[in-house]
């Protein structure tokens, strides 16, 4: 299992890199004012950072309980990313609609675009993170 310090490093590095990539992409893709894009991305990143810590802690505990390890196969990584994004989508959609004064349908479309981006980003980031910071149990 990862330590609390490692989980915090993971969450913060994931969100900082994500903010730097997603803010200009969101402004461009949705024709948003840069300030609105930044508020949405930073607000979403804040919610996501807390969710990231809680979700990964619970996911690793459940995975370890059922498999005896936290080592993730390719399919488990995909399920991990999809389930994370579904939970985040449920939390963020009403907040985006409220902030931008748009319908829930429009917020859903926007949030789905963010989710697709972040699913791919999460898959690549987490795989790279696990390669850079492997757990000792994975060496066996």
C-alpha atoms as a PDB file:
ATOM      1  CA  UNK A   1       0.000   0.000   0.000  1.00  0.00           C
ATOM      2  CA  UNK A   2       1.143   3.533  -0.676  1.00  0.00           C
ATOM      3  CA  UNK A   3       1.940   5.846   2.218  1.00  0.00           C
ATOM      4  CA  UNK A   4      -0.067   8.973   2.938  1.00  0.00           C
ATOM      5  CA  UNK A   5       2.848  11.139   1.780  1.00  0.00           C
ATOM      6  CA  UNK A   6       3.058   9.209  -1.484  1.00  0.00           C
ATOM      7  CA  UNK A   7      -0.701   9.544  -2.047  1.00  0.00           C
ATOM      8  CA  UNK A   8      -0.490  13.292  -1.440  1.00  0.00           C
ATOM      9  CA  UNK A   9       2.458  13.612  -3.880  1.00  0.00           C
ATOM     10  CA  UNK A  10       0.459  11.623  -6.418  1.00  0.00           C
ATOM     11  CA  UNK A  11      -2.697  13.720  -6.058  1.00  0.00           C
ATOM     12  CA  UNK A  12      -0.927  17.092  -6.159  1.00  0.00           C
ATOM     13  CA  UNK A  13       1.309  16.252  -9.115  1.00  0.00           C
ATOM     14  CA  UNK A  14      -1.644  14.798 -11.029  1.00  0.00           C
ATOM     15  CA  UNK A  15      -3.736  17.942 -10.527  1.00  0.00           C
ATOM     16  CA  UNK A  16      -0.982  20.482 -11.239  1.00  0.00           C
ATOM     17  CA  UNK A  17      -0.049  18.835 -14.535  1.00  0.00           C
ATOM     18  CA  UNK A  18      -3.737  18.382 -15.388  1.00  0.00           C
ATOM     19  CA  UNK A  19      -4.510  22.069 -14.726  1.00  0.00           C
ATOM     20  CA  UNK A  20      -1.632  23.194 -16.934  1.00  0.00           C
ATOM     21  CA  UNK A  21      -2.895  21.050 -19.813  1.00  0.00           C
ATOM     22  CA  UNK A  22      -6.692  21.329 -19.371  1.00  0.00           C
ATOM     23  CA  UNK A  23      -7.158  25.067 -18.758  1.00  0.00           C
ATOM     24  CA  UNK A  24      -6.124  26.272 -22.231  1.00  0.00           C
ATOM     25  CA  UNK A  25      -7.764  23.239 -23.876  1.00  0.00           C
ATOM     26  CA  UNK A  26     -11.108  23.973 -22.163  1.00  0.00           C
ATOM     27  CA  UNK A  27     -10.977  27.654 -23.096  1.00  0.00           C
ATOM     28  CA  UNK A  28     -10.333  26.746 -26.717  1.00  0.00           C
ATOM     29  CA  UNK A  29     -12.757  23.812 -26.997  1.00  0.00           C
ATOM     30  CA  UNK A  30     -15.716  25.506 -25.309  1.00  0.00           C
ATOM     31  CA  UNK A  31     -15.043  29.110 -26.340  1.00  0.00           C
ATOM     32  CA  UNK A  32     -14.796  30.156 -22.711  1.00  0.00           C
ATOM     33  CA  UNK A  33     -13.197  33.269 -21.337  1.00  0.00           C
ATOM     34  CA  UNK A  34      -9.803  32.276 -19.918  1.00  0.00           C
ATOM     35  CA  UNK A  35     -10.923  33.276 -16.420  1.00  0.00           C
ATOM     36  CA  UNK A  36     -14.017  31.068 -16.558  1.00  0.00           C
ATOM     37  CA  UNK A  37     -11.960  28.189 -17.894  1.00  0.00           C
ATOM     38  CA  UNK A  38      -9.455  28.611 -15.064  1.00  0.00           C
ATOM     39  CA  UNK A  39     -12.201  28.770 -12.404  1.00  0.00           C
ATOM     40  CA  UNK A  40     -13.849  25.610 -13.737  1.00  0.00           C
ATOM     41  CA  UNK A  41     -10.578  23.695 -14.104  1.00  0.00           C
ATOM     42  CA  UNK A  42      -9.093  24.787 -10.755  1.00  0.00           C
ATOM     43  CA  UNK A  43     -12.416  24.238  -8.941  1.00  0.00           C
ATOM     44  CA  UNK A  44     -12.783  20.845 -10.571  1.00  0.00           C
ATOM     45  CA  UNK A  45      -9.170  20.012  -9.732  1.00  0.00           C
ATOM     46  CA  UNK A  46      -9.763  20.872  -6.081  1.00  0.00           C
ATOM     47  CA  UNK A  47     -12.780  18.569  -5.899  1.00  0.00           C
ATOM     48  CA  UNK A  48     -10.881  15.950  -7.896  1.00  0.00           C
ATOM     49  CA  UNK A  49      -7.842  16.099  -5.616  1.00  0.00           C
ATOM     50  CA  UNK A  50      -9.914  15.240  -2.560  1.00  0.00           C
ATOM     51  CA  UNK A  51     -11.817  12.585  -4.545  1.00  0.00           C
ATOM     52  CA  UNK A  52      -8.514  11.233  -5.887  1.00  0.00           C
ATOM     53  CA  UNK A  53      -7.137  10.628  -2.403  1.00  0.00           C
ATOM     54  CA  UNK A  54     -10.309   9.005  -1.067  1.00  0.00           C
ATOM     55  CA  UNK A  55     -11.029   6.980  -4.212  1.00  0.00           C
ATOM     56  CA  UNK A  56      -7.498   5.592  -4.581  1.00  0.00           C
ATOM     57  CA  UNK A  57      -7.296   4.674  -0.904  1.00  0.00           C
ATOM     58  CA  UNK A  58     -10.599   2.783  -1.075  1.00  0.00           C
ATOM     59  CA  UNK A  59      -9.813   1.237  -4.480  1.00  0.00           C
ATOM     60  CA  UNK A  60      -6.420  -0.053  -3.299  1.00  0.00           C
ATOM     61  CA  UNK A  61      -7.919  -1.503  -0.121  1.00  0.00           C
ATOM     62  CA  UNK A  62     -10.664  -3.279  -2.065  1.00  0.00           C
ATOM     63  CA  UNK A  63      -8.192  -4.501  -4.708  1.00  0.00           C
ATOM     64  CA  UNK A  64      -5.804  -5.752  -2.029  1.00  0.00           C
ATOM     65  CA  UNK A  65      -8.627  -7.519  -0.196  1.00  0.00           C
ATOM     66  CA  UNK A  66      -9.817  -9.355  -3.315  1.00  0.00           C
ATOM     67  CA  UNK A  67      -6.472 -10.032  -5.029  1.00  0.00           C
ATOM     68  CA  UNK A  68      -3.880  -9.845  -2.242  1.00  0.00           C
ATOM     69  CA  UNK A  69      -1.953  -7.074  -4.028  1.00  0.00           C
ATOM     70  CA  UNK A  70      -2.341  -3.507  -5.235  1.00  0.00           C
ATOM     71  CA  UNK A  71      -0.629  -4.290  -8.544  1.00  0.00           C
ATOM     72  CA  UNK A  72      -3.009  -3.268 -11.335  1.00  0.00           C
ATOM     73  CA  UNK A  73      -3.320  -5.070 -14.656  1.00  0.00           C
ATOM     74  CA  UNK A  74      -4.249  -3.186 -17.828  1.00  0.00           C
ATOM     75  CA  UNK A  75      -7.987  -3.973 -17.530  1.00  0.00           C
ATOM     76  CA  UNK A  76      -7.996  -3.050 -13.823  1.00  0.00           C
ATOM     77  CA  UNK A  77      -6.316   0.268 -14.694  1.00  0.00           C
ATOM     78  CA  UNK A  78      -9.025   0.983 -17.255  1.00  0.00           C
ATOM     79  CA  UNK A  79     -11.794   0.129 -14.767  1.00  0.00           C
ATOM     80  CA  UNK A  80     -10.003   2.272 -12.161  1.00  0.00           C
ATOM     81  CA  UNK A  81      -9.975   5.292 -14.483  1.00  0.00           C
ATOM     82  CA  UNK A  82     -13.592   4.859 -15.649  1.00  0.00           C
ATOM     83  CA  UNK A  83     -15.003   4.462 -12.126  1.00  0.00           C
ATOM     84  CA  UNK A  84     -13.024   7.458 -10.895  1.00  0.00           C
ATOM     85  CA  UNK A  85     -14.409   9.653 -13.679  1.00  0.00           C
ATOM     86  CA  UNK A  86     -18.008   8.513 -13.162  1.00  0.00           C
ATOM     87  CA  UNK A  87     -17.841   9.528  -9.506  1.00  0.00           C
ATOM     88  CA  UNK A  88     -16.258  12.843 -10.372  1.00  0.00           C
ATOM     89  CA  UNK A  89     -18.813  13.540 -13.114  1.00  0.00           C
ATOM     90  CA  UNK A  90     -21.667  13.079 -10.643  1.00  0.00           C
ATOM     91  CA  UNK A  91     -20.068  15.606  -8.282  1.00  0.00           C
ATOM     92  CA  UNK A  92     -19.011  18.232 -10.849  1.00  0.00           C
ATOM     93  CA  UNK A  93     -21.901  18.427 -13.337  1.00  0.00           C
ATOM     94  CA  UNK A  94     -24.244  20.487 -11.123  1.00  0.00           C
ATOM     95  CA  UNK A  95     -21.401  22.791 -10.067  1.00  0.00           C
ATOM     96  CA  UNK A  96     -20.414  23.536 -13.677  1.00  0.00           C
ATOM     97  CA  UNK A  97     -24.052  24.204 -14.639  1.00  0.00           C
ATOM     98  CA  UNK A  98     -24.496  26.562 -11.715  1.00  0.00           C
ATOM     99  CA  UNK A  99     -21.251  28.482 -12.295  1.00  0.00           C
ATOM    100  CA  UNK A 100     -21.723  28.972 -16.039  1.00  0.00           C
ATOM    101  CA  UNK A 101     -25.503  29.414 -15.862  1.00  0.00           C
ATOM    102  CA  UNK A 102     -26.064  26.619 -18.360  1.00  0.00           C
ATOM    103  CA  UNK A 103     -28.441  23.668 -18.428  1.00  0.00           C
ATOM    104  CA  UNK A 104     -27.554  20.371 -16.812  1.00  0.00           C
ATOM    105  CA  UNK A 105     -27.515  18.859 -20.309  1.00  0.00           C
ATOM    106  CA  UNK A 106     -24.896  21.391 -21.485  1.00  0.00           C
ATOM    107  CA  UNK A 107     -22.914  20.833 -18.297  1.00  0.00           C
ATOM    108  CA  UNK A 108     -23.115  17.079 -18.864  1.00  0.00           C
ATOM    109  CA  UNK A 109     -21.703  17.432 -22.386  1.00  0.00           C
ATOM    110  CA  UNK A 110     -18.910  19.680 -21.091  1.00  0.00           C
ATOM    111  CA  UNK A 111     -18.227  17.417 -18.140  1.00  0.00           C
ATOM    112  CA  UNK A 112     -18.142  14.334 -20.400  1.00  0.00           C
ATOM    113  CA  UNK A 113     -15.510  16.047 -22.546  1.00  0.00           C
ATOM    114  CA  UNK A 114     -13.475  16.776 -19.400  1.00  0.00           C
ATOM    115  CA  UNK A 115     -13.988  13.174 -18.270  1.00  0.00           C
ATOM    116  CA  UNK A 116     -12.771  11.754 -21.587  1.00  0.00           C
ATOM    117  CA  UNK A 117      -9.701  13.954 -21.478  1.00  0.00           C
ATOM    118  CA  UNK A 118      -8.982  13.094 -17.841  1.00  0.00           C
ATOM    119  CA  UNK A 119      -9.576   9.360 -18.321  1.00  0.00           C
ATOM    120  CA  UNK A 120      -6.851   9.228 -20.929  1.00  0.00           C
ATOM    121  CA  UNK A 121      -4.666  11.536 -18.897  1.00  0.00           C
ATOM    122  CA  UNK A 122      -5.242   9.473 -15.714  1.00  0.00           C
ATOM    123  CA  UNK A 123      -4.374   6.241 -17.472  1.00  0.00           C
ATOM    124  CA  UNK A 124      -1.089   7.647 -18.801  1.00  0.00           C
ATOM    125  CA  UNK A 125      -0.228   9.577 -15.622  1.00  0.00           C
ATOM    126  CA  UNK A 126      -0.912   6.672 -13.244  1.00  0.00           C
ATOM    127  CA  UNK A 127       0.996   4.211 -15.374  1.00  0.00           C
ATOM    128  CA  UNK A 128       3.973   6.588 -15.499  1.00  0.00           C
ATOM    129  CA  UNK A 129       3.699   7.314 -11.765  1.00  0.00           C
ATOM    130  CA  UNK A 130       3.739   3.617 -10.940  1.00  0.00           C
ATOM    131  CA  UNK A 131       6.843   3.179 -13.100  1.00  0.00           C
ATOM    132  CA  UNK A 132       8.607   6.150 -11.475  1.00  0.00           C
ATOM    133  CA  UNK A 133       7.545   5.227  -7.919  1.00  0.00           C
ATOM    134  CA  UNK A 134       6.981   1.437  -7.817  1.00  0.00           C
ATOM    135  CA  UNK A 135       6.031  -0.263  -4.593  1.00  0.00           C
ATOM    136  CA  UNK A 136       8.494  -2.826  -3.195  1.00  0.00           C
ATOM    137  CA  UNK A 137       5.857  -5.598  -3.434  1.00  0.00           C
ATOM    138  CA  UNK A 138       5.788  -5.212  -7.211  1.00  0.00           C
ATOM    139  CA  UNK A 139       9.462  -6.170  -7.512  1.00  0.00           C
ATOM    140  CA  UNK A 140       8.795  -9.838  -6.665  1.00  0.00           C
END
